[in-house]
Structures are given as C-alpha cells and as structure tokens.
Amino acid sequence: NGAGKTTVFNLITGIYRPTTGDIRFDARS
C-alpha cells in the first residue's frame, strides 16, 4: 500500500500529468 500503483494509472490515463519523463502509447506521446 502506498507504493504508487494507482498514481501510475492516473498518469497513464491523463488524470495526472507527469512531473518528469514521458509516456508514449502507440508510438506517440
């Protein structure tokens, strides 16, 4: 618990914006 798992989902689905780094899906950011 508290490891950041749901935060990762929220980053991927656009609920949160990454502070650093990039997320690419289907070869596009």
mmCIF file of all heavy atoms, coordinates in Angstrom:
data_MODEL
# 
_entry.id   MODEL 
# 
loop_
_atom_site.group_PDB 
_atom_site.id 
_atom_site.type_symbol 
_atom_site.label_atom_id 
_atom_site.label_alt_id 
_atom_site.label_comp_id 
_atom_site.label_asym_id 
_atom_site.label_entity_id 
_atom_site.label_seq_id 
_atom_site.pdbx_PDB_ins_code 
_atom_site.Cartn_x 
_atom_site.Cartn_y 
_atom_site.Cartn_z 
_atom_site.occupancy 
_atom_site.B_iso_or_equiv 
_atom_site.pdbx_formal_charge 
_atom_site.auth_seq_id 
_atom_site.auth_comp_id 
_atom_site.auth_asym_id 
_atom_site.auth_atom_id 
_atom_site.pdbx_PDB_model_num 
ATOM 1   N N   . ASN A 1 1  ? 0.837  -1.199 0.000   1.00 0.00 ? 1  ASN A N   1 
ATOM 2   C CA  . ASN A 1 1  ? 0.000  0.000  0.000   1.00 0.00 ? 1  ASN A CA  1 
ATOM 3   C C   . ASN A 1 1  ? 0.871  1.247  0.000   1.00 0.00 ? 1  ASN A C   1 
ATOM 4   O O   . ASN A 1 1  ? 1.870  1.318  0.713   1.00 0.00 ? 1  ASN A O   1 
ATOM 5   C CB  . ASN A 1 1  ? -0.904 0.015  1.239   1.00 0.00 ? 1  ASN A CB  1 
ATOM 6   C CG  . ASN A 1 1  ? -2.002 -1.031 1.153   1.00 0.00 ? 1  ASN A CG  1 
ATOM 7   O OD1 . ASN A 1 1  ? -2.439 -1.408 0.065   1.00 0.00 ? 1  ASN A OD1 1 
ATOM 8   N ND2 . ASN A 1 1  ? -2.462 -1.507 2.305   1.00 0.00 ? 1  ASN A ND2 1 
ATOM 9   N N   . GLY A 1 2  ? 0.473  2.231  -0.813  1.00 0.00 ? 2  GLY A N   1 
ATOM 10  C CA  . GLY A 1 2  ? 1.239  3.466  -0.892  1.00 0.00 ? 2  GLY A CA  1 
ATOM 11  C C   . GLY A 1 2  ? 2.442  3.398  -1.798  1.00 0.00 ? 2  GLY A C   1 
ATOM 12  O O   . GLY A 1 2  ? 3.255  4.327  -1.829  1.00 0.00 ? 2  GLY A O   1 
ATOM 13  N N   . ALA A 1 3  ? 2.565  2.323  -2.566  1.00 0.00 ? 3  ALA A N   1 
ATOM 14  C CA  . ALA A 1 3  ? 3.743  2.166  -3.426  1.00 0.00 ? 3  ALA A CA  1 
ATOM 15  C C   . ALA A 1 3  ? 3.689  3.039  -4.671  1.00 0.00 ? 3  ALA A C   1 
ATOM 16  O O   . ALA A 1 3  ? 4.701  3.208  -5.351  1.00 0.00 ? 3  ALA A O   1 
ATOM 17  C CB  . ALA A 1 3  ? 3.902  0.696  -3.839  1.00 0.00 ? 3  ALA A CB  1 
ATOM 18  N N   . GLY A 1 4  ? 2.501  3.577  -5.012  1.00 0.00 ? 4  GLY A N   1 
ATOM 19  C CA  . GLY A 1 4  ? 2.389  4.431  -6.184  1.00 0.00 ? 4  GLY A CA  1 
ATOM 20  C C   . GLY A 1 4  ? 1.688  3.796  -7.367  1.00 0.00 ? 4  GLY A C   1 
ATOM 21  O O   . GLY A 1 4  ? 1.666  4.357  -8.461  1.00 0.00 ? 4  GLY A O   1 
ATOM 22  N N   . LYS A 1 5  ? 1.060  2.646  -7.142  1.00 0.00 ? 5  LYS A N   1 
ATOM 23  C CA  . LYS A 1 5  ? 0.461  1.903  -8.252  1.00 0.00 ? 5  LYS A CA  1 
ATOM 24  C C   . LYS A 1 5  ? -0.677 2.676  -8.912  1.00 0.00 ? 5  LYS A C   1 
ATOM 25  O O   . LYS A 1 5  ? -0.716 2.825  -10.134 1.00 0.00 ? 5  LYS A O   1 
ATOM 26  C CB  . LYS A 1 5  ? -0.040 0.541  -7.748  1.00 0.00 ? 5  LYS A CB  1 
ATOM 27  C CG  . LYS A 1 5  ? 1.038  -0.301 -7.077  1.00 0.00 ? 5  LYS A CG  1 
ATOM 28  C CD  . LYS A 1 5  ? 0.523  -1.648 -6.627  1.00 0.00 ? 5  LYS A CD  1 
ATOM 29  C CE  . LYS A 1 5  ? -0.533 -1.560 -5.549  1.00 0.00 ? 5  LYS A CE  1 
ATOM 30  N NZ  . LYS A 1 5  ? -0.004 -0.991 -4.282  1.00 0.00 ? 5  LYS A NZ  1 
ATOM 31  N N   . THR A 1 6  ? -1.627 3.145  -8.120  1.00 0.00 ? 6  THR A N   1 
ATOM 32  C CA  . THR A 1 6  ? -2.759 3.875  -8.693  1.00 0.00 ? 6  THR A CA  1 
ATOM 33  C C   . THR A 1 6  ? -2.307 5.205  -9.286  1.00 0.00 ? 6  THR A C   1 
ATOM 34  O O   . THR A 1 6  ? -2.881 5.666  -10.282 1.00 0.00 ? 6  THR A O   1 
ATOM 35  C CB  . THR A 1 6  ? -3.848 4.095  -7.626  1.00 0.00 ? 6  THR A CB  1 
ATOM 36  O OG1 . THR A 1 6  ? -4.355 2.817  -7.202  1.00 0.00 ? 6  THR A OG1 1 
ATOM 37  C CG2 . THR A 1 6  ? -5.009 4.918  -8.170  1.00 0.00 ? 6  THR A CG2 1 
ATOM 38  N N   . THR A 1 7  ? -1.277 5.813  -8.718  1.00 0.00 ? 7  THR A N   1 
ATOM 39  C CA  . THR A 1 7  ? -0.725 7.033  -9.311  1.00 0.00 ? 7  THR A CA  1 
ATOM 40  C C   . THR A 1 7  ? -0.239 6.768  -10.727 1.00 0.00 ? 7  THR A C   1 
ATOM 41  O O   . THR A 1 7  ? -0.424 7.598  -11.626 1.00 0.00 ? 7  THR A O   1 
ATOM 42  C CB  . THR A 1 7  ? 0.428  7.577  -8.448  1.00 0.00 ? 7  THR A CB  1 
ATOM 43  O OG1 . THR A 1 7  ? -0.056 7.885  -7.148  1.00 0.00 ? 7  THR A OG1 1 
ATOM 44  C CG2 . THR A 1 7  ? 1.018  8.842  -9.066  1.00 0.00 ? 7  THR A CG2 1 
ATOM 45  N N   . VAL A 1 8  ? 0.364  5.609  -10.950 1.00 0.00 ? 8  VAL A N   1 
ATOM 46  C CA  . VAL A 1 8  ? 0.816  5.251  -12.299 1.00 0.00 ? 8  VAL A CA  1 
ATOM 47  C C   . VAL A 1 8  ? -0.369 5.178  -13.254 1.00 0.00 ? 8  VAL A C   1 
ATOM 48  O O   . VAL A 1 8  ? -0.319 5.703  -14.369 1.00 0.00 ? 8  VAL A O   1 
ATOM 49  C CB  . VAL A 1 8  ? 1.578  3.905  -12.276 1.00 0.00 ? 8  VAL A CB  1 
ATOM 50  C CG1 . VAL A 1 8  ? 1.882  3.436  -13.697 1.00 0.00 ? 8  VAL A CG1 1 
ATOM 51  C CG2 . VAL A 1 8  ? 2.871  4.044  -11.490 1.00 0.00 ? 8  VAL A CG2 1 
ATOM 52  N N   . PHE A 1 9  ? -1.463 4.555  -12.818 1.00 0.00 ? 9  PHE A N   1 
ATOM 53  C CA  . PHE A 1 9  ? -2.661 4.500  -13.658 1.00 0.00 ? 9  PHE A CA  1 
ATOM 54  C C   . PHE A 1 9  ? -3.183 5.904  -13.949 1.00 0.00 ? 9  PHE A C   1 
ATOM 55  O O   . PHE A 1 9  ? -3.592 6.214  -15.074 1.00 0.00 ? 9  PHE A O   1 
ATOM 56  C CB  . PHE A 1 9  ? -3.744 3.674  -12.958 1.00 0.00 ? 9  PHE A CB  1 
ATOM 57  C CG  . PHE A 1 9  ? -3.711 2.204  -13.297 1.00 0.00 ? 9  PHE A CG  1 
ATOM 58  C CD1 . PHE A 1 9  ? -2.527 1.588  -13.648 1.00 0.00 ? 9  PHE A CD1 1 
ATOM 59  C CD2 . PHE A 1 9  ? -4.858 1.426  -13.265 1.00 0.00 ? 9  PHE A CD2 1 
ATOM 60  C CE1 . PHE A 1 9  ? -2.487 0.237  -13.971 1.00 0.00 ? 9  PHE A CE1 1 
ATOM 61  C CE2 . PHE A 1 9  ? -4.846 0.082  -13.579 1.00 0.00 ? 9  PHE A CE2 1 
ATOM 62  C CZ  . PHE A 1 9  ? -3.646 -0.518 -13.934 1.00 0.00 ? 9  PHE A CZ  1 
ATOM 63  N N   . ASN A 1 10 ? -3.179 6.761  -12.931 1.00 0.00 ? 10 ASN A N   1 
ATOM 64  C CA  . ASN A 1 10 ? -3.667 8.126  -13.129 1.00 0.00 ? 10 ASN A CA  1 
ATOM 65  C C   . ASN A 1 10 ? -2.779 8.915  -14.084 1.00 0.00 ? 10 ASN A C   1 
ATOM 66  O O   . ASN A 1 10 ? -3.268 9.783  -14.825 1.00 0.00 ? 10 ASN A O   1 
ATOM 67  C CB  . ASN A 1 10 ? -3.759 8.850  -11.780 1.00 0.00 ? 10 ASN A CB  1 
ATOM 68  C CG  . ASN A 1 10 ? -4.883 8.331  -10.907 1.00 0.00 ? 10 ASN A CG  1 
ATOM 69  O OD1 . ASN A 1 10 ? -5.837 7.711  -11.400 1.00 0.00 ? 10 ASN A OD1 1 
ATOM 70  N ND2 . ASN A 1 10 ? -4.794 8.567  -9.617  1.00 0.00 ? 10 ASN A ND2 1 
ATOM 71  N N   . LEU A 1 11 ? -1.497 8.623  -14.092 1.00 0.00 ? 11 LEU A N   1 
ATOM 72  C CA  . LEU A 1 11 ? -0.586 9.262  -15.041 1.00 0.00 ? 11 LEU A CA  1 
ATOM 73  C C   . LEU A 1 11 ? -0.856 8.786  -16.464 1.00 0.00 ? 11 LEU A C   1 
ATOM 74  O O   . LEU A 1 11 ? -0.891 9.577  -17.409 1.00 0.00 ? 11 LEU A O   1 
ATOM 75  C CB  . LEU A 1 11 ? 0.866  8.971  -14.648 1.00 0.00 ? 11 LEU A CB  1 
ATOM 76  C CG  . LEU A 1 11 ? 1.390  9.692  -13.408 1.00 0.00 ? 11 LEU A CG  1 
ATOM 77  C CD1 . LEU A 1 11 ? 2.680  9.038  -12.915 1.00 0.00 ? 11 LEU A CD1 1 
ATOM 78  C CD2 . LEU A 1 11 ? 1.624  11.164 -13.711 1.00 0.00 ? 11 LEU A CD2 1 
ATOM 79  N N   . ILE A 1 12 ? -1.044 7.499  -16.619 1.00 0.00 ? 12 ILE A N   1 
ATOM 80  C CA  . ILE A 1 12 ? -1.273 6.939  -17.957 1.00 0.00 ? 12 ILE A CA  1 
ATOM 81  C C   . ILE A 1 12 ? -2.578 7.449  -18.540 1.00 0.00 ? 12 ILE A C   1 
ATOM 82  O O   . ILE A 1 12 ? -2.655 7.757  -19.741 1.00 0.00 ? 12 ILE A O   1 
ATOM 83  C CB  . ILE A 1 12 ? -1.283 5.393  -17.894 1.00 0.00 ? 12 ILE A CB  1 
ATOM 84  C CG1 . ILE A 1 12 ? 0.112  4.868  -17.517 1.00 0.00 ? 12 ILE A CG1 1 
ATOM 85  C CG2 . ILE A 1 12 ? -1.710 4.801  -19.239 1.00 0.00 ? 12 ILE A CG2 1 
ATOM 86  C CD1 . ILE A 1 12 ? 0.130  3.378  -17.199 1.00 0.00 ? 12 ILE A CD1 1 
ATOM 87  N N   . THR A 1 13 ? -3.609 7.582  -17.713 1.00 0.00 ? 13 THR A N   1 
ATOM 88  C CA  . THR A 1 13 ? -4.938 7.944  -18.217 1.00 0.00 ? 13 THR A CA  1 
ATOM 89  C C   . THR A 1 13 ? -5.207 9.444  -18.214 1.00 0.00 ? 13 THR A C   1 
ATOM 90  O O   . THR A 1 13 ? -6.316 9.875  -18.517 1.00 0.00 ? 13 THR A O   1 
ATOM 91  C CB  . THR A 1 13 ? -6.032 7.234  -17.395 1.00 0.00 ? 13 THR A CB  1 
ATOM 92  O OG1 . THR A 1 13 ? -5.859 7.524  -16.004 1.00 0.00 ? 13 THR A OG1 1 
ATOM 93  C CG2 . THR A 1 13 ? -5.965 5.730  -17.617 1.00 0.00 ? 13 THR A CG2 1 
ATOM 94  N N   . GLY A 1 14 ? -4.206 10.240 -17.873 1.00 0.00 ? 14 GLY A N   1 
ATOM 95  C CA  . GLY A 1 14 ? -4.352 11.687 -18.009 1.00 0.00 ? 14 GLY A CA  1 
ATOM 96  C C   . GLY A 1 14 ? -4.958 12.401 -16.818 1.00 0.00 ? 14 GLY A C   1 
ATOM 97  O O   . GLY A 1 14 ? -5.171 13.612 -16.878 1.00 0.00 ? 14 GLY A O   1 
ATOM 98  N N   . ILE A 1 15 ? -5.244 11.675 -15.739 1.00 0.00 ? 15 ILE A N   1 
ATOM 99  C CA  . ILE A 1 15 ? -5.750 12.335 -14.533 1.00 0.00 ? 15 ILE A CA  1 
ATOM 100 C C   . ILE A 1 15 ? -4.647 13.193 -13.911 1.00 0.00 ? 15 ILE A C   1 
ATOM 101 O O   . ILE A 1 15 ? -4.892 14.305 -13.437 1.00 0.00 ? 15 ILE A O   1 
ATOM 102 C CB  . ILE A 1 15 ? -6.286 11.294 -13.536 1.00 0.00 ? 15 ILE A CB  1 
ATOM 103 C CG1 . ILE A 1 15 ? -7.515 10.596 -14.131 1.00 0.00 ? 15 ILE A CG1 1 
ATOM 104 C CG2 . ILE A 1 15 ? -6.655 11.948 -12.203 1.00 0.00 ? 15 ILE A CG2 1 
ATOM 105 C CD1 . ILE A 1 15 ? -8.046 9.465  -13.283 1.00 0.00 ? 15 ILE A CD1 1 
ATOM 106 N N   . TYR A 1 16 ? -3.419 12.669 -13.933 1.00 0.00 ? 16 TYR A N   1 
ATOM 107 C CA  . TYR A 1 16 ? -2.249 13.435 -13.521 1.00 0.00 ? 16 TYR A CA  1 
ATOM 108 C C   . TYR A 1 16 ? -1.344 13.649 -14.728 1.00 0.00 ? 16 TYR A C   1 
ATOM 109 O O   . TYR A 1 16 ? -1.295 12.808 -15.639 1.00 0.00 ? 16 TYR A O   1 
ATOM 110 C CB  . TYR A 1 16 ? -1.433 12.695 -12.454 1.00 0.00 ? 16 TYR A CB  1 
ATOM 111 C CG  . TYR A 1 16 ? -2.131 12.460 -11.152 1.00 0.00 ? 16 TYR A CG  1 
ATOM 112 C CD1 . TYR A 1 16 ? -1.762 11.377 -10.351 1.00 0.00 ? 16 TYR A CD1 1 
ATOM 113 C CD2 . TYR A 1 16 ? -3.140 13.295 -10.679 1.00 0.00 ? 16 TYR A CD2 1 
ATOM 114 C CE1 . TYR A 1 16 ? -2.377 11.131 -9.134  1.00 0.00 ? 16 TYR A CE1 1 
ATOM 115 C CE2 . TYR A 1 16 ? -3.765 13.061 -9.469  1.00 0.00 ? 16 TYR A CE2 1 
ATOM 116 C CZ  . TYR A 1 16 ? -3.382 11.973 -8.703  1.00 0.00 ? 16 TYR A CZ  1 
ATOM 117 O OH  . TYR A 1 16 ? -3.997 11.732 -7.508  1.00 0.00 ? 16 TYR A OH  1 
ATOM 118 N N   . ARG A 1 17 ? -0.604 14.731 -14.699 1.00 0.00 ? 17 ARG A N   1 
ATOM 119 C CA  . ARG A 1 17 ? 0.411  14.995 -15.719 1.00 0.00 ? 17 ARG A CA  1 
ATOM 120 C C   . ARG A 1 17 ? 1.776  14.670 -15.118 1.00 0.00 ? 17 ARG A C   1 
ATOM 121 O O   . ARG A 1 17 ? 2.071  15.076 -13.985 1.00 0.00 ? 17 ARG A O   1 
ATOM 122 C CB  . ARG A 1 17 ? 0.360  16.459 -16.158 1.00 0.00 ? 17 ARG A CB  1 
ATOM 123 C CG  . ARG A 1 17 ? 1.369  16.783 -17.248 1.00 0.00 ? 17 ARG A CG  1 
ATOM 124 C CD  . ARG A 1 17 ? 1.122  18.169 -17.804 1.00 0.00 ? 17 ARG A CD  1 
ATOM 125 N NE  . ARG A 1 17 ? 1.964  18.396 -18.972 1.00 0.00 ? 17 ARG A NE  1 
ATOM 126 C CZ  . ARG A 1 17 ? 1.690  19.269 -19.926 1.00 0.00 ? 17 ARG A CZ  1 
ATOM 127 N NH1 . ARG A 1 17 ? 0.578  19.994 -19.846 1.00 0.00 ? 17 ARG A NH1 1 
ATOM 128 N NH2 . ARG A 1 17 ? 2.504  19.429 -20.947 1.00 0.00 ? 17 ARG A NH2 1 
ATOM 129 N N   . PRO A 1 18 ? 2.633  13.954 -15.834 1.00 0.00 ? 18 PRO A N   1 
ATOM 130 C CA  . PRO A 1 18 ? 3.947  13.632 -15.275 1.00 0.00 ? 18 PRO A CA  1 
ATOM 131 C C   . PRO A 1 18 ? 4.749  14.888 -14.942 1.00 0.00 ? 18 PRO A C   1 
ATOM 132 O O   . PRO A 1 18 ? 4.750  15.851 -15.716 1.00 0.00 ? 18 PRO A O   1 
ATOM 133 C CB  . PRO A 1 18 ? 4.621  12.837 -16.400 1.00 0.00 ? 18 PRO A CB  1 
ATOM 134 C CG  . PRO A 1 18 ? 3.516  12.347 -17.267 1.00 0.00 ? 18 PRO A CG  1 
ATOM 135 C CD  . PRO A 1 18 ? 2.438  13.380 -17.181 1.00 0.00 ? 18 PRO A CD  1 
ATOM 136 N N   . THR A 1 19 ? 5.417  14.866 -13.803 1.00 0.00 ? 19 THR A N   1 
ATOM 137 C CA  . THR A 1 19 ? 6.328  15.948 -13.460 1.00 0.00 ? 19 THR A CA  1 
ATOM 138 C C   . THR A 1 19 ? 7.603  15.830 -14.276 1.00 0.00 ? 19 THR A C   1 
ATOM 139 O O   . THR A 1 19 ? 8.180  16.835 -14.706 1.00 0.00 ? 19 THR A O   1 
ATOM 140 C CB  . THR A 1 19 ? 6.664  15.907 -11.954 1.00 0.00 ? 19 THR A CB  1 
ATOM 141 O OG1 . THR A 1 19 ? 5.454  15.867 -11.196 1.00 0.00 ? 19 THR A OG1 1 
ATOM 142 C CG2 . THR A 1 19 ? 7.470  17.131 -11.549 1.00 0.00 ? 19 THR A CG2 1 
ATOM 143 N N   . THR A 1 20 ? 8.045  14.602 -14.464 1.00 0.00 ? 20 THR A N   1 
ATOM 144 C CA  . THR A 1 20 ? 9.231  14.325 -15.280 1.00 0.00 ? 20 THR A CA  1 
ATOM 145 C C   . THR A 1 20 ? 8.945  13.129 -16.180 1.00 0.00 ? 20 THR A C   1 
ATOM 146 O O   . THR A 1 20 ? 8.050  12.331 -15.924 1.00 0.00 ? 20 THR A O   1 
ATOM 147 C CB  . THR A 1 20 ? 10.453 14.007 -14.396 1.00 0.00 ? 20 THR A CB  1 
ATOM 148 O OG1 . THR A 1 20 ? 10.173 12.843 -13.606 1.00 0.00 ? 20 THR A OG1 1 
ATOM 149 C CG2 . THR A 1 20 ? 10.786 15.179 -13.486 1.00 0.00 ? 20 THR A CG2 1 
ATOM 150 N N   . GLY A 1 21 ? 9.741  13.011 -17.238 1.00 0.00 ? 21 GLY A N   1 
ATOM 151 C CA  . GLY A 1 21 ? 9.645  11.858 -18.109 1.00 0.00 ? 21 GLY A CA  1 
ATOM 152 C C   . GLY A 1 21 ? 8.535  11.962 -19.147 1.00 0.00 ? 21 GLY A C   1 
ATOM 153 O O   . GLY A 1 21 ? 7.881  12.998 -19.283 1.00 0.00 ? 21 GLY A O   1 
ATOM 154 N N   . ASP A 1 22 ? 8.326  10.875 -19.872 1.00 0.00 ? 22 ASP A N   1 
ATOM 155 C CA  . ASP A 1 22 ? 7.363  10.862 -20.972 1.00 0.00 ? 22 ASP A CA  1 
ATOM 156 C C   . ASP A 1 22 ? 6.620  9.534  -20.987 1.00 0.00 ? 22 ASP A C   1 
ATOM 157 O O   . ASP A 1 22 ? 7.166  8.488  -20.620 1.00 0.00 ? 22 ASP A O   1 
ATOM 158 C CB  . ASP A 1 22 ? 8.090  11.063 -22.308 1.00 0.00 ? 22 ASP A CB  1 
ATOM 159 C CG  . ASP A 1 22 ? 7.134  11.251 -23.474 1.00 0.00 ? 22 ASP A CG  1 
ATOM 160 O OD1 . ASP A 1 22 ? 6.054  11.848 -23.267 1.00 0.00 ? 22 ASP A OD1 1 
ATOM 161 O OD2 . ASP A 1 22 ? 7.446  10.801 -24.596 1.00 0.00 ? 22 ASP A OD2 1 
ATOM 162 N N   . ILE A 1 23 ? 5.361  9.584  -21.417 1.00 0.00 ? 23 ILE A N   1 
ATOM 163 C CA  . ILE A 1 23 ? 4.533  8.387  -21.593 1.00 0.00 ? 23 ILE A CA  1 
ATOM 164 C C   . ILE A 1 23 ? 4.144  8.311  -23.056 1.00 0.00 ? 23 ILE A C   1 
ATOM 165 O O   . ILE A 1 23 ? 3.579  9.261  -23.605 1.00 0.00 ? 23 ILE A O   1 
ATOM 166 C CB  . ILE A 1 23 ? 3.271  8.447  -20.715 1.00 0.00 ? 23 ILE A CB  1 
ATOM 167 C CG1 . ILE A 1 23 ? 3.654  8.587  -19.231 1.00 0.00 ? 23 ILE A CG1 1 
ATOM 168 C CG2 . ILE A 1 23 ? 2.410  7.189  -20.922 1.00 0.00 ? 23 ILE A CG2 1 
ATOM 169 C CD1 . ILE A 1 23 ? 2.472  8.789  -18.310 1.00 0.00 ? 23 ILE A CD1 1 
ATOM 170 N N   . ARG A 1 24 ? 4.432  7.179  -23.684 1.00 0.00 ? 24 ARG A N   1 
ATOM 171 C CA  . ARG A 1 24 ? 4.126  7.000  -25.096 1.00 0.00 ? 24 ARG A CA  1 
ATOM 172 C C   . ARG A 1 24 ? 3.178  5.822  -25.267 1.00 0.00 ? 24 ARG A C   1 
ATOM 173 O O   . ARG A 1 24 ? 3.361  4.765  -24.650 1.00 0.00 ? 24 ARG A O   1 
ATOM 174 C CB  . ARG A 1 24 ? 5.406  6.770  -25.924 1.00 0.00 ? 24 ARG A CB  1 
ATOM 175 C CG  . ARG A 1 24 ? 6.389  7.923  -25.838 1.00 0.00 ? 24 ARG A CG  1 
ATOM 176 C CD  . ARG A 1 24 ? 7.617  7.693  -26.708 1.00 0.00 ? 24 ARG A CD  1 
ATOM 177 N NE  . ARG A 1 24 ? 7.289  7.673  -28.123 1.00 0.00 ? 24 ARG A NE  1 
ATOM 178 C CZ  . ARG A 1 24 ? 7.120  8.765  -28.865 1.00 0.00 ? 24 ARG A CZ  1 
ATOM 179 N NH1 . ARG A 1 24 ? 7.217  9.965  -28.313 1.00 0.00 ? 24 ARG A NH1 1 
ATOM 180 N NH2 . ARG A 1 24 ? 6.830  8.666  -30.141 1.00 0.00 ? 24 ARG A NH2 1 
ATOM 181 N N   . PHE A 1 25 ? 2.183  6.015  -26.113 1.00 0.00 ? 25 PHE A N   1 
ATOM 182 C CA  . PHE A 1 25 ? 1.219  4.958  -26.409 1.00 0.00 ? 25 PHE A CA  1 
ATOM 183 C C   . PHE A 1 25 ? 1.045  4.884  -27.917 1.00 0.00 ? 25 PHE A C   1 
ATOM 184 O O   . PHE A 1 25 ? 0.822  5.907  -28.576 1.00 0.00 ? 25 PHE A O   1 
ATOM 185 C CB  . PHE A 1 25 ? -0.125 5.243  -25.738 1.00 0.00 ? 25 PHE A CB  1 
ATOM 186 C CG  . PHE A 1 25 ? -1.195 4.239  -26.084 1.00 0.00 ? 25 PHE A CG  1 
ATOM 187 C CD1 . PHE A 1 25 ? -1.131 2.956  -25.591 1.00 0.00 ? 25 PHE A CD1 1 
ATOM 188 C CD2 . PHE A 1 25 ? -2.249 4.580  -26.914 1.00 0.00 ? 25 PHE A CD2 1 
ATOM 189 C CE1 . PHE A 1 25 ? -2.094 2.011  -25.920 1.00 0.00 ? 25 PHE A CE1 1 
ATOM 190 C CE2 . PHE A 1 25 ? -3.228 3.656  -27.243 1.00 0.00 ? 25 PHE A CE2 1 
ATOM 191 C CZ  . PHE A 1 25 ? -3.147 2.367  -26.740 1.00 0.00 ? 25 PHE A CZ  1 
ATOM 192 N N   . ASP A 1 26 ? 1.150  3.678  -28.447 1.00 0.00 ? 26 ASP A N   1 
ATOM 193 C CA  . ASP A 1 26 ? 1.029  3.512  -29.900 1.00 0.00 ? 26 ASP A CA  1 
ATOM 194 C C   . ASP A 1 26 ? 2.037  4.421  -30.617 1.00 0.00 ? 26 ASP A C   1 
ATOM 195 O O   . ASP A 1 26 ? 1.728  5.056  -31.619 1.00 0.00 ? 26 ASP A O   1 
ATOM 196 C CB  . ASP A 1 26 ? -0.402 3.820  -30.342 1.00 0.00 ? 26 ASP A CB  1 
ATOM 197 C CG  . ASP A 1 26 ? -0.729 3.262  -31.720 1.00 0.00 ? 26 ASP A CG  1 
ATOM 198 O OD1 . ASP A 1 26 ? 0.165  2.652  -32.337 1.00 0.00 ? 26 ASP A OD1 1 
ATOM 199 O OD2 . ASP A 1 26 ? -1.862 3.446  -32.186 1.00 0.00 ? 26 ASP A OD2 1 
ATOM 200 N N   . ALA A 1 27 ? 3.244  4.510  -30.037 1.00 0.00 ? 27 ALA A N   1 
ATOM 201 C CA  . ALA A 1 27 ? 4.378  5.238  -30.609 1.00 0.00 ? 27 ALA A CA  1 
ATOM 202 C C   . ALA A 1 27 ? 4.209  6.754  -30.607 1.00 0.00 ? 27 ALA A C   1 
ATOM 203 O O   . ALA A 1 27 ? 4.954  7.459  -31.272 1.00 0.00 ? 27 ALA A O   1 
ATOM 204 C CB  . ALA A 1 27 ? 4.689  4.749  -32.037 1.00 0.00 ? 27 ALA A CB  1 
ATOM 205 N N   . ARG A 1 28 ? 3.228  7.278  -29.846 1.00 0.00 ? 28 ARG A N   1 
ATOM 206 C CA  . ARG A 1 28 ? 3.043  8.725  -29.741 1.00 0.00 ? 28 ARG A CA  1 
ATOM 207 C C   . ARG A 1 28 ? 2.939  9.135  -28.278 1.00 0.00 ? 28 ARG A C   1 
ATOM 208 O O   . ARG A 1 28 ? 2.375  8.410  -27.466 1.00 0.00 ? 28 ARG A O   1 
ATOM 209 C CB  . ARG A 1 28 ? 1.774  9.168  -30.476 1.00 0.00 ? 28 ARG A CB  1 
ATOM 210 C CG  . ARG A 1 28 ? 1.838  8.986  -32.002 1.00 0.00 ? 28 ARG A CG  1 
ATOM 211 C CD  . ARG A 1 28 ? 0.599  9.583  -32.654 1.00 0.00 ? 28 ARG A CD  1 
ATOM 212 N NE  . ARG A 1 28 ? -0.610 8.868  -32.279 1.00 0.00 ? 28 ARG A NE  1 
ATOM 213 C CZ  . ARG A 1 28 ? -1.841 9.269  -32.600 1.00 0.00 ? 28 ARG A CZ  1 
ATOM 214 N NH1 . ARG A 1 28 ? -2.006 10.392 -33.288 1.00 0.00 ? 28 ARG A NH1 1 
ATOM 215 N NH2 . ARG A 1 28 ? -2.888 8.559  -32.237 1.00 0.00 ? 28 ARG A NH2 1 
ATOM 216 N N   . SER A 1 29 ? 3.466  10.298 -27.968 1.00 0.00 ? 29 SER A N   1 
ATOM 217 C CA  . SER A 1 29 ? 3.409  10.781 -26.592 1.00 0.00 ? 29 SER A CA  1 
ATOM 218 C C   . SER A 1 29 ? 1.974  11.117 -26.211 1.00 0.00 ? 29 SER A C   1 
ATOM 219 O O   . SER A 1 29 ? 1.238  11.740 -26.985 1.00 0.00 ? 29 SER A O   1 
ATOM 220 C CB  . SER A 1 29 ? 4.285  12.021 -26.421 1.00 0.00 ? 29 SER A CB  1 
ATOM 221 O OG  . SER A 1 29 ? 4.167  12.524 -25.098 1.00 0.00 ? 29 SER A OG  1 
# 
